[in-house]
Amino acid sequence: MNMDLYDYFMLNESEQTETLVQSGQLVAMKYNAITYLSLFSVSTFYVEFEWEKFTNRMVGKQIFKSGAELDKYLPDIDLVI
């Protein structure tokens, strides 16, 4: 599925989740003492979820193309050239 960031924003919450399940790829995960982050790639943008470890409740979601949000994952991703 070729979808841009604007199209994704126009979907409701359940449609966004369905798109992520069908077309997204898990790129990386990060952990800290209280939460964990999961980064998904969808077409030309990324979706990051933040989950509370002890309750497994989603406490945050960010959608972005690049920048500082993505930079924090780069040391943990094996790039193949």
N, C-alpha and C. Protein backbone atom coordinates (compact mmCIF):
# COMPACT_ATOMS: atom_id res chain seq x y z
N MET A 1 0.84 -1.17 0.00
CA MET A 1 0.00 0.00 0.00
C MET A 1 0.89 1.24 0.00
N ASN A 2 0.65 2.13 -0.91
CA ASN A 2 1.40 3.38 -0.99
C ASN A 2 0.54 4.49 -0.40
N MET A 3 0.88 4.91 0.80
CA MET A 3 0.10 5.91 1.51
C MET A 3 1.04 6.99 2.01
N ASP A 4 0.62 8.23 1.91
CA ASP A 4 1.47 9.29 2.46
C ASP A 4 0.99 9.67 3.85
N LEU A 5 1.76 10.51 4.50
CA LEU A 5 1.50 10.90 5.88
C LEU A 5 0.12 11.55 6.03
N TYR A 6 -0.25 12.41 5.10
CA TYR A 6 -1.54 13.09 5.16
C TYR A 6 -2.69 12.07 5.11
N ASP A 7 -2.58 11.10 4.19
CA ASP A 7 -3.63 10.07 4.08
C ASP A 7 -3.79 9.31 5.40
N TYR A 8 -2.67 9.00 6.02
CA TYR A 8 -2.70 8.26 7.29
C TYR A 8 -3.39 9.08 8.37
N PHE A 9 -3.06 10.38 8.44
CA PHE A 9 -3.69 11.26 9.43
C PHE A 9 -5.21 11.34 9.24
N MET A 10 -5.66 11.20 8.02
CA MET A 10 -7.09 11.31 7.73
C MET A 10 -7.89 10.07 8.15
N LEU A 11 -7.20 8.96 8.43
CA LEU A 11 -7.87 7.75 8.89
C LEU A 11 -8.27 7.88 10.35
N ASN A 12 -9.34 7.18 10.74
CA ASN A 12 -9.67 7.16 12.17
C ASN A 12 -8.73 6.18 12.88
N GLU A 13 -8.81 6.13 14.18
CA GLU A 13 -7.87 5.33 14.99
C GLU A 13 -7.86 3.85 14.60
N SER A 14 -9.03 3.26 14.39
CA SER A 14 -9.05 1.84 14.05
C SER A 14 -8.51 1.59 12.64
N GLU A 15 -8.76 2.51 11.71
CA GLU A 15 -8.22 2.38 10.35
C GLU A 15 -6.69 2.54 10.37
N GLN A 16 -6.19 3.43 11.21
CA GLN A 16 -4.74 3.57 11.34
C GLN A 16 -4.12 2.28 11.86
N THR A 17 -4.76 1.68 12.86
CA THR A 17 -4.25 0.42 13.41
C THR A 17 -4.30 -0.68 12.37
N GLU A 18 -5.39 -0.77 11.62
CA GLU A 18 -5.52 -1.79 10.57
C GLU A 18 -4.43 -1.61 9.50
N THR A 19 -4.17 -0.36 9.11
CA THR A 19 -3.13 -0.08 8.12
C THR A 19 -1.77 -0.51 8.65
N LEU A 20 -1.53 -0.24 9.93
CA LEU A 20 -0.25 -0.61 10.54
C LEU A 20 -0.07 -2.13 10.55
N VAL A 21 -1.14 -2.86 10.88
CA VAL A 21 -1.07 -4.32 10.92
C VAL A 21 -0.86 -4.89 9.52
N GLN A 22 -1.56 -4.34 8.53
CA GLN A 22 -1.49 -4.88 7.17
C GLN A 22 -0.23 -4.43 6.41
N SER A 23 0.20 -3.19 6.60
CA SER A 23 1.26 -2.64 5.75
C SER A 23 2.52 -2.22 6.50
N GLY A 24 2.43 -2.12 7.81
CA GLY A 24 3.59 -1.64 8.57
C GLY A 24 4.61 -2.73 8.83
N GLN A 25 5.85 -2.29 9.03
CA GLN A 25 6.92 -3.22 9.38
C GLN A 25 7.57 -2.73 10.66
N LEU A 26 7.72 -3.63 11.63
CA LEU A 26 8.41 -3.28 12.86
C LEU A 26 9.88 -3.06 12.54
N VAL A 27 10.38 -1.87 12.85
CA VAL A 27 11.76 -1.51 12.52
C VAL A 27 12.66 -1.65 13.74
N ALA A 28 12.19 -1.21 14.90
CA ALA A 28 13.04 -1.23 16.09
C ALA A 28 12.19 -1.12 17.35
N MET A 29 12.81 -1.52 18.47
CA MET A 29 12.18 -1.34 19.78
C MET A 29 13.23 -0.80 20.73
N LYS A 30 12.79 0.04 21.66
CA LYS A 30 13.66 0.59 22.69
C LYS A 30 12.96 0.40 24.03
N TYR A 31 13.77 0.18 25.06
CA TYR A 31 13.23 -0.07 26.39
C TYR A 31 13.85 0.88 27.40
N ASN A 32 13.07 1.26 28.40
CA ASN A 32 13.62 1.94 29.57
C ASN A 32 12.94 1.34 30.80
N ALA A 33 13.12 1.94 31.95
CA ALA A 33 12.62 1.35 33.19
C ALA A 33 11.09 1.31 33.26
N ILE A 34 10.42 2.23 32.61
CA ILE A 34 8.97 2.34 32.76
C ILE A 34 8.20 1.99 31.50
N THR A 35 8.75 2.33 30.33
CA THR A 35 8.02 2.13 29.07
C THR A 35 8.90 1.44 28.03
N TYR A 36 8.27 1.01 26.97
CA TYR A 36 9.01 0.59 25.79
C TYR A 36 8.40 1.25 24.57
N LEU A 37 9.23 1.46 23.56
CA LEU A 37 8.83 2.10 22.32
C LEU A 37 8.93 1.10 21.19
N SER A 38 7.95 1.12 20.30
CA SER A 38 8.04 0.30 19.10
C SER A 38 7.89 1.23 17.89
N LEU A 39 8.81 1.08 16.95
CA LEU A 39 8.85 1.92 15.75
C LEU A 39 8.45 1.10 14.54
N PHE A 40 7.44 1.57 13.82
CA PHE A 40 6.96 0.91 12.61
C PHE A 40 7.19 1.81 11.41
N SER A 41 7.51 1.20 10.29
CA SER A 41 7.63 1.91 9.02
C SER A 41 6.38 1.61 8.20
N VAL A 42 5.78 2.69 7.68
CA VAL A 42 4.61 2.56 6.80
C VAL A 42 4.86 3.44 5.60
N SER A 43 5.09 2.83 4.45
CA SER A 43 5.32 3.57 3.22
C SER A 43 6.47 4.57 3.39
N THR A 44 6.17 5.86 3.47
CA THR A 44 7.24 6.88 3.53
C THR A 44 7.31 7.58 4.88
N PHE A 45 6.71 6.99 5.92
CA PHE A 45 6.73 7.63 7.24
C PHE A 45 6.82 6.56 8.33
N TYR A 46 6.91 7.01 9.57
CA TYR A 46 7.08 6.13 10.71
C TYR A 46 6.00 6.40 11.75
N VAL A 47 5.65 5.35 12.49
CA VAL A 47 4.72 5.46 13.60
C VAL A 47 5.41 4.85 14.82
N GLU A 48 5.45 5.63 15.90
CA GLU A 48 6.07 5.18 17.14
C GLU A 48 5.01 5.07 18.22
N PHE A 49 4.97 3.92 18.87
CA PHE A 49 4.07 3.70 19.99
C PHE A 49 4.89 3.62 21.27
N GLU A 50 4.36 4.20 22.33
CA GLU A 50 4.97 4.08 23.65
C GLU A 50 4.01 3.31 24.54
N TRP A 51 4.52 2.24 25.15
CA TRP A 51 3.71 1.36 25.99
C TRP A 51 4.24 1.36 27.41
N GLU A 52 3.34 1.38 28.37
CA GLU A 52 3.72 1.24 29.76
C GLU A 52 4.00 -0.24 30.03
N LYS A 53 5.17 -0.52 30.60
CA LYS A 53 5.58 -1.91 30.78
C LYS A 53 4.66 -2.72 31.68
N PHE A 54 4.27 -2.16 32.78
CA PHE A 54 3.59 -2.96 33.79
C PHE A 54 2.10 -3.14 33.51
N THR A 55 1.49 -2.22 32.78
CA THR A 55 0.08 -2.34 32.46
C THR A 55 -0.16 -2.71 31.01
N ASN A 56 0.90 -2.64 30.19
CA ASN A 56 0.82 -2.88 28.74
C ASN A 56 -0.21 -1.96 28.08
N ARG A 57 -0.30 -0.74 28.61
CA ARG A 57 -1.23 0.27 28.11
C ARG A 57 -0.48 1.26 27.24
N MET A 58 -1.06 1.59 26.09
CA MET A 58 -0.43 2.58 25.22
C MET A 58 -0.55 3.96 25.87
N VAL A 59 0.59 4.64 26.00
CA VAL A 59 0.60 5.95 26.64
C VAL A 59 1.05 7.05 25.68
N GLY A 60 1.40 6.69 24.45
CA GLY A 60 1.80 7.71 23.50
C GLY A 60 1.91 7.16 22.09
N LYS A 61 1.75 8.07 21.13
CA LYS A 61 1.88 7.71 19.71
C LYS A 61 2.36 8.94 18.97
N GLN A 62 3.38 8.76 18.13
CA GLN A 62 3.88 9.83 17.29
C GLN A 62 3.95 9.33 15.85
N ILE A 63 3.67 10.22 14.93
CA ILE A 63 3.75 9.90 13.51
C ILE A 63 4.67 10.94 12.89
N PHE A 64 5.70 10.49 12.16
CA PHE A 64 6.69 11.42 11.63
C PHE A 64 7.39 10.84 10.42
N LYS A 65 8.10 11.71 9.68
CA LYS A 65 8.85 11.29 8.50
C LYS A 65 10.33 11.10 8.80
N SER A 66 10.90 11.98 9.61
CA SER A 66 12.32 11.92 9.92
C SER A 66 12.60 12.83 11.10
N GLY A 67 13.86 13.09 11.36
CA GLY A 67 14.22 14.04 12.40
C GLY A 67 14.64 13.37 13.69
N ALA A 68 14.61 14.14 14.75
CA ALA A 68 15.08 13.68 16.05
C ALA A 68 14.34 12.44 16.53
N GLU A 69 13.05 12.35 16.20
CA GLU A 69 12.28 11.18 16.61
C GLU A 69 12.87 9.90 16.05
N LEU A 70 13.36 9.95 14.83
CA LEU A 70 13.96 8.79 14.18
C LEU A 70 15.42 8.61 14.58
N ASP A 71 16.11 9.70 14.82
CA ASP A 71 17.54 9.64 15.14
C ASP A 71 17.85 8.77 16.34
N LYS A 72 16.98 8.75 17.34
CA LYS A 72 17.25 7.97 18.55
C LYS A 72 17.30 6.47 18.28
N TYR A 73 16.73 6.02 17.17
CA TYR A 73 16.74 4.60 16.82
C TYR A 73 17.95 4.19 15.99
N LEU A 74 18.60 5.13 15.34
CA LEU A 74 19.65 4.79 14.39
C LEU A 74 20.78 3.95 14.95
N PRO A 75 21.27 4.19 16.17
CA PRO A 75 22.34 3.33 16.68
C PRO A 75 21.96 1.86 16.82
N ASP A 76 20.66 1.57 16.93
CA ASP A 76 20.20 0.20 17.15
C ASP A 76 19.78 -0.53 15.87
N ILE A 77 19.81 0.15 14.73
CA ILE A 77 19.37 -0.43 13.48
C ILE A 77 20.57 -0.82 12.63
N ASP A 78 20.59 -2.09 12.20
CA ASP A 78 21.64 -2.56 11.31
C ASP A 78 21.29 -2.15 9.88
N LEU A 79 22.10 -1.28 9.33
CA LEU A 79 21.86 -0.83 7.95
C LEU A 79 22.69 -1.67 7.00
N VAL A 80 22.07 -2.13 5.94
CA VAL A 80 22.77 -2.93 4.93
C VAL A 80 22.93 -2.06 3.69
N ILE A 81 24.17 -1.92 3.28
CA ILE A 81 24.46 -1.07 2.10
C ILE A 81 24.90 -1.94 0.95
